[in-house]
Amino acid sequence: MFFVCANTECTDPSIAKAIKVLDTNGAPALVPVFENGENSFLVVVNKDFLNSINVTVYGDETVKKVLKDGSIVPANAFESSMELDPGDAAIFMFPTEKK
């Protein structure tokens, strides 16, 4: 599933339980959600190749952040607002909602 966040808030029913806030502050971001068995992955990609963007992602206690080295840590161990460099991405993991 792919959708683009171009406004100040971006919500999708498939992530609404785990991800409470996804705010691109008006910056264009590509935000795909991938499912792999019991886990879903939210990827926030800065579509601007010239400028950094500020992004806020806040979730419940089940949300994890996938670090650049591949390690997985609780997302609440980090600030919910972050700066994404031009063309960079942030990856978050949470349990796939059972249908």
N, C-alpha and C. Protein backbone atom coordinates (compact mmCIF):
# COMPACT_ATOMS: atom_id res chain seq x y z
N MET A 1 0.84 -1.16 0.00
CA MET A 1 0.00 0.00 0.00
C MET A 1 0.89 1.23 0.00
N PHE A 2 0.63 2.17 -0.87
CA PHE A 2 1.39 3.41 -0.93
C PHE A 2 0.43 4.58 -0.86
N PHE A 3 0.83 5.61 -0.17
CA PHE A 3 0.10 6.86 -0.20
C PHE A 3 1.08 7.98 0.07
N VAL A 4 0.73 9.17 -0.30
CA VAL A 4 1.65 10.30 -0.17
C VAL A 4 1.08 11.29 0.83
N CYS A 5 1.95 11.72 1.77
CA CYS A 5 1.57 12.75 2.72
C CYS A 5 2.06 14.08 2.18
N ALA A 6 1.16 14.96 1.86
CA ALA A 6 1.56 16.27 1.36
C ALA A 6 1.00 17.38 2.23
N ASN A 7 0.13 17.04 3.14
CA ASN A 7 -0.45 18.03 4.03
C ASN A 7 0.17 17.91 5.41
N THR A 8 -0.41 18.58 6.37
CA THR A 8 0.19 18.57 7.70
C THR A 8 -0.05 17.26 8.44
N GLU A 9 -1.06 16.52 8.09
CA GLU A 9 -1.28 15.24 8.75
C GLU A 9 -1.55 14.18 7.71
N CYS A 10 -1.22 12.97 8.07
CA CYS A 10 -1.40 11.85 7.17
C CYS A 10 -1.87 10.66 7.98
N THR A 11 -3.04 10.14 7.68
CA THR A 11 -3.56 8.99 8.42
C THR A 11 -4.03 7.95 7.44
N ASP A 12 -4.00 6.72 7.90
CA ASP A 12 -4.43 5.60 7.09
C ASP A 12 -5.02 4.57 8.03
N PRO A 13 -6.17 3.96 7.71
CA PRO A 13 -6.80 3.02 8.62
C PRO A 13 -5.92 1.82 9.01
N SER A 14 -5.02 1.39 8.14
CA SER A 14 -4.20 0.22 8.45
C SER A 14 -3.15 0.49 9.51
N ILE A 15 -2.86 1.76 9.78
CA ILE A 15 -1.85 2.08 10.79
C ILE A 15 -2.43 2.84 11.97
N ALA A 16 -3.72 3.14 11.92
CA ALA A 16 -4.33 4.04 12.90
C ALA A 16 -4.22 3.54 14.34
N LYS A 17 -4.20 2.24 14.58
CA LYS A 17 -4.14 1.75 15.96
C LYS A 17 -2.76 1.94 16.57
N ALA A 18 -1.71 1.69 15.83
CA ALA A 18 -0.36 1.78 16.37
C ALA A 18 0.23 3.18 16.24
N ILE A 19 0.06 3.81 15.09
CA ILE A 19 0.62 5.13 14.82
C ILE A 19 -0.44 6.18 15.13
N LYS A 20 -0.19 6.98 16.14
CA LYS A 20 -1.18 7.99 16.56
C LYS A 20 -1.01 9.31 15.82
N VAL A 21 0.24 9.68 15.52
CA VAL A 21 0.52 10.94 14.83
C VAL A 21 1.55 10.67 13.75
N LEU A 22 1.26 11.13 12.56
CA LEU A 22 2.22 11.13 11.46
C LEU A 22 2.07 12.49 10.79
N ASP A 23 3.03 13.38 11.07
CA ASP A 23 2.93 14.76 10.61
C ASP A 23 4.19 15.11 9.82
N THR A 24 4.00 15.49 8.57
CA THR A 24 5.13 15.87 7.71
C THR A 24 5.32 17.38 7.68
N ASN A 25 4.55 18.10 8.47
CA ASN A 25 4.65 19.56 8.53
C ASN A 25 4.52 20.21 7.15
N GLY A 26 3.69 19.62 6.33
CA GLY A 26 3.43 20.18 5.01
C GLY A 26 4.42 19.76 3.94
N ALA A 27 5.48 19.07 4.32
CA ALA A 27 6.49 18.64 3.35
C ALA A 27 6.03 17.37 2.63
N PRO A 28 6.37 17.22 1.36
CA PRO A 28 5.98 16.01 0.63
C PRO A 28 6.83 14.82 1.06
N ALA A 29 6.15 13.76 1.44
CA ALA A 29 6.85 12.54 1.86
C ALA A 29 6.11 11.34 1.27
N LEU A 30 6.87 10.37 0.87
CA LEU A 30 6.31 9.09 0.43
C LEU A 30 6.24 8.21 1.66
N VAL A 31 5.05 7.63 1.92
CA VAL A 31 4.86 6.87 3.15
C VAL A 31 4.23 5.51 2.83
N PRO A 32 5.05 4.54 2.39
CA PRO A 32 4.50 3.21 2.15
C PRO A 32 4.37 2.43 3.46
N VAL A 33 3.42 1.50 3.47
CA VAL A 33 3.26 0.57 4.58
C VAL A 33 3.38 -0.82 3.99
N PHE A 34 4.31 -1.61 4.55
CA PHE A 34 4.53 -2.97 4.08
C PHE A 34 4.13 -3.94 5.18
N GLU A 35 3.53 -5.05 4.81
CA GLU A 35 3.20 -6.10 5.77
C GLU A 35 4.06 -7.32 5.48
N ASN A 36 4.61 -7.90 6.55
CA ASN A 36 5.40 -9.12 6.45
C ASN A 36 5.00 -10.02 7.60
N GLY A 37 3.99 -10.83 7.39
CA GLY A 37 3.52 -11.72 8.45
C GLY A 37 2.95 -10.95 9.62
N GLU A 38 3.55 -11.14 10.79
CA GLU A 38 3.04 -10.52 12.00
C GLU A 38 3.45 -9.06 12.17
N ASN A 39 4.33 -8.57 11.30
CA ASN A 39 4.82 -7.20 11.44
C ASN A 39 4.47 -6.35 10.22
N SER A 40 4.19 -5.07 10.50
CA SER A 40 4.00 -4.07 9.45
C SER A 40 5.11 -3.05 9.60
N PHE A 41 5.49 -2.45 8.46
CA PHE A 41 6.57 -1.48 8.45
C PHE A 41 6.09 -0.19 7.78
N LEU A 42 6.23 0.90 8.50
CA LEU A 42 5.91 2.23 7.99
C LEU A 42 7.24 2.88 7.63
N VAL A 43 7.36 3.31 6.38
CA VAL A 43 8.58 3.95 5.91
C VAL A 43 8.24 5.38 5.52
N VAL A 44 8.93 6.33 6.13
CA VAL A 44 8.72 7.74 5.81
C VAL A 44 9.92 8.19 5.00
N VAL A 45 9.69 8.54 3.73
CA VAL A 45 10.78 8.93 2.82
C VAL A 45 10.65 10.42 2.49
N ASN A 46 11.72 11.14 2.68
CA ASN A 46 11.77 12.55 2.30
C ASN A 46 11.88 12.62 0.78
N LYS A 47 10.85 13.12 0.12
CA LYS A 47 10.84 13.22 -1.35
C LYS A 47 11.67 14.39 -1.86
N ASP A 48 12.07 15.27 -0.97
CA ASP A 48 12.87 16.43 -1.37
C ASP A 48 14.35 16.04 -1.38
N PHE A 49 14.98 16.11 -2.55
CA PHE A 49 16.38 15.73 -2.66
C PHE A 49 17.33 16.90 -2.40
N LEU A 50 16.76 18.07 -2.07
CA LEU A 50 17.59 19.25 -1.81
C LEU A 50 17.52 19.72 -0.36
N ASN A 51 16.39 19.49 0.29
CA ASN A 51 16.19 20.03 1.64
C ASN A 51 15.77 18.96 2.63
N SER A 52 16.20 19.15 3.87
CA SER A 52 15.75 18.29 4.95
C SER A 52 14.30 18.64 5.29
N ILE A 53 13.59 17.68 5.88
CA ILE A 53 12.23 17.94 6.35
C ILE A 53 12.13 17.51 7.80
N ASN A 54 11.18 18.11 8.50
CA ASN A 54 10.89 17.70 9.88
C ASN A 54 9.65 16.83 9.86
N VAL A 55 9.75 15.71 10.54
CA VAL A 55 8.66 14.74 10.57
C VAL A 55 8.41 14.36 12.02
N THR A 56 7.14 14.21 12.37
CA THR A 56 6.77 13.73 13.69
C THR A 56 6.02 12.42 13.54
N VAL A 57 6.53 11.40 14.21
CA VAL A 57 5.87 10.10 14.23
C VAL A 57 5.75 9.70 15.70
N TYR A 58 4.51 9.51 16.13
CA TYR A 58 4.25 9.13 17.52
C TYR A 58 3.33 7.92 17.51
N GLY A 59 3.69 6.89 18.23
CA GLY A 59 2.87 5.69 18.26
C GLY A 59 2.69 5.14 19.65
N ASP A 60 1.96 4.05 19.73
CA ASP A 60 1.77 3.40 21.02
C ASP A 60 3.02 2.61 21.39
N GLU A 61 2.93 1.87 22.49
CA GLU A 61 4.11 1.15 23.02
C GLU A 61 4.56 -0.02 22.14
N THR A 62 3.77 -0.40 21.15
CA THR A 62 4.15 -1.52 20.27
C THR A 62 5.05 -1.07 19.12
N VAL A 63 5.16 0.24 18.90
CA VAL A 63 5.92 0.75 17.75
C VAL A 63 7.42 0.70 18.04
N LYS A 64 8.16 0.15 17.10
CA LYS A 64 9.62 0.06 17.18
C LYS A 64 10.22 0.89 16.05
N LYS A 65 11.46 1.31 16.24
CA LYS A 65 12.18 2.03 15.20
C LYS A 65 13.29 1.12 14.69
N VAL A 66 13.40 1.02 13.36
CA VAL A 66 14.47 0.24 12.74
C VAL A 66 15.61 1.21 12.46
N LEU A 67 16.73 1.00 13.12
CA LEU A 67 17.87 1.90 12.98
C LEU A 67 18.65 1.59 11.70
N LYS A 68 19.55 2.49 11.34
CA LYS A 68 20.33 2.36 10.10
C LYS A 68 21.15 1.07 10.07
N ASP A 69 21.57 0.57 11.24
CA ASP A 69 22.36 -0.66 11.29
C ASP A 69 21.49 -1.92 11.32
N GLY A 70 20.16 -1.74 11.22
CA GLY A 70 19.24 -2.86 11.19
C GLY A 70 18.72 -3.28 12.55
N SER A 71 19.25 -2.71 13.62
CA SER A 71 18.75 -3.06 14.94
C SER A 71 17.37 -2.45 15.15
N ILE A 72 16.59 -3.08 16.02
CA ILE A 72 15.21 -2.67 16.27
C ILE A 72 15.08 -2.30 17.74
N VAL A 73 14.63 -1.08 18.00
CA VAL A 73 14.53 -0.57 19.36
C VAL A 73 13.15 0.07 19.55
N PRO A 74 12.70 0.20 20.81
CA PRO A 74 11.42 0.88 21.04
C PRO A 74 11.47 2.31 20.51
N ALA A 75 10.45 2.69 19.76
CA ALA A 75 10.42 4.04 19.17
C ALA A 75 10.33 5.11 20.25
N ASN A 76 9.72 4.77 21.38
CA ASN A 76 9.58 5.79 22.42
C ASN A 76 10.89 6.09 23.13
N ALA A 77 11.98 5.41 22.76
CA ALA A 77 13.31 5.73 23.28
C ALA A 77 13.89 6.96 22.58
N PHE A 78 13.23 7.42 21.52
CA PHE A 78 13.68 8.57 20.74
C PHE A 78 12.63 9.67 20.78
N GLU A 79 13.06 10.87 20.43
CA GLU A 79 12.11 11.97 20.28
C GLU A 79 11.14 11.63 19.15
N SER A 80 9.90 12.07 19.27
CA SER A 80 8.91 11.76 18.23
C SER A 80 9.11 12.62 16.99
N SER A 81 9.77 13.77 17.13
CA SER A 81 10.06 14.61 15.97
C SER A 81 11.50 14.39 15.54
N MET A 82 11.72 14.35 14.23
CA MET A 82 13.06 14.11 13.71
C MET A 82 13.25 14.87 12.42
N GLU A 83 14.50 15.06 12.07
CA GLU A 83 14.83 15.68 10.79
C GLU A 83 15.29 14.58 9.85
N LEU A 84 14.69 14.55 8.67
CA LEU A 84 15.10 13.60 7.64
C LEU A 84 15.92 14.36 6.59
N ASP A 85 17.13 13.91 6.36
CA ASP A 85 17.98 14.51 5.35
C ASP A 85 17.36 14.34 3.96
N PRO A 86 17.81 15.11 2.98
CA PRO A 86 17.28 14.97 1.62
C PRO A 86 17.35 13.52 1.12
N GLY A 87 16.22 12.98 0.69
CA GLY A 87 16.16 11.62 0.15
C GLY A 87 16.27 10.52 1.18
N ASP A 88 16.37 10.86 2.47
CA ASP A 88 16.55 9.86 3.53
C ASP A 88 15.20 9.27 3.94
N ALA A 89 15.25 8.23 4.76
CA ALA A 89 14.04 7.56 5.22
C ALA A 89 14.16 7.16 6.68
N ALA A 90 13.01 7.01 7.33
CA ALA A 90 12.92 6.46 8.67
C ALA A 90 11.95 5.29 8.61
N ILE A 91 12.28 4.20 9.31
CA ILE A 91 11.45 2.99 9.26
C ILE A 91 10.95 2.67 10.66
N PHE A 92 9.65 2.39 10.72
CA PHE A 92 9.01 2.02 11.98
C PHE A 92 8.31 0.67 11.81
N MET A 93 8.33 -0.14 12.84
CA MET A 93 7.72 -1.47 12.80
C MET A 93 6.65 -1.56 13.90
N PHE A 94 5.55 -2.21 13.58
CA PHE A 94 4.49 -2.43 14.56
C PHE A 94 3.73 -3.69 14.19
N PRO A 95 3.01 -4.29 15.12
CA PRO A 95 2.28 -5.54 14.80
C PRO A 95 1.21 -5.32 13.73
N THR A 96 1.15 -6.25 12.80
CA THR A 96 0.11 -6.20 11.77
C THR A 96 -1.25 -6.40 12.43
N GLU A 97 -2.19 -5.56 12.05
CA GLU A 97 -3.55 -5.68 12.59
C GLU A 97 -4.21 -6.91 12.01
N LYS A 98 -4.75 -7.75 12.89
CA LYS A 98 -5.44 -8.95 12.42
C LYS A 98 -6.77 -8.57 11.83
N LYS A 99 -7.08 -9.18 10.68
CA LYS A 99 -8.31 -8.82 9.97
C LYS A 99 -9.39 -9.82 10.23
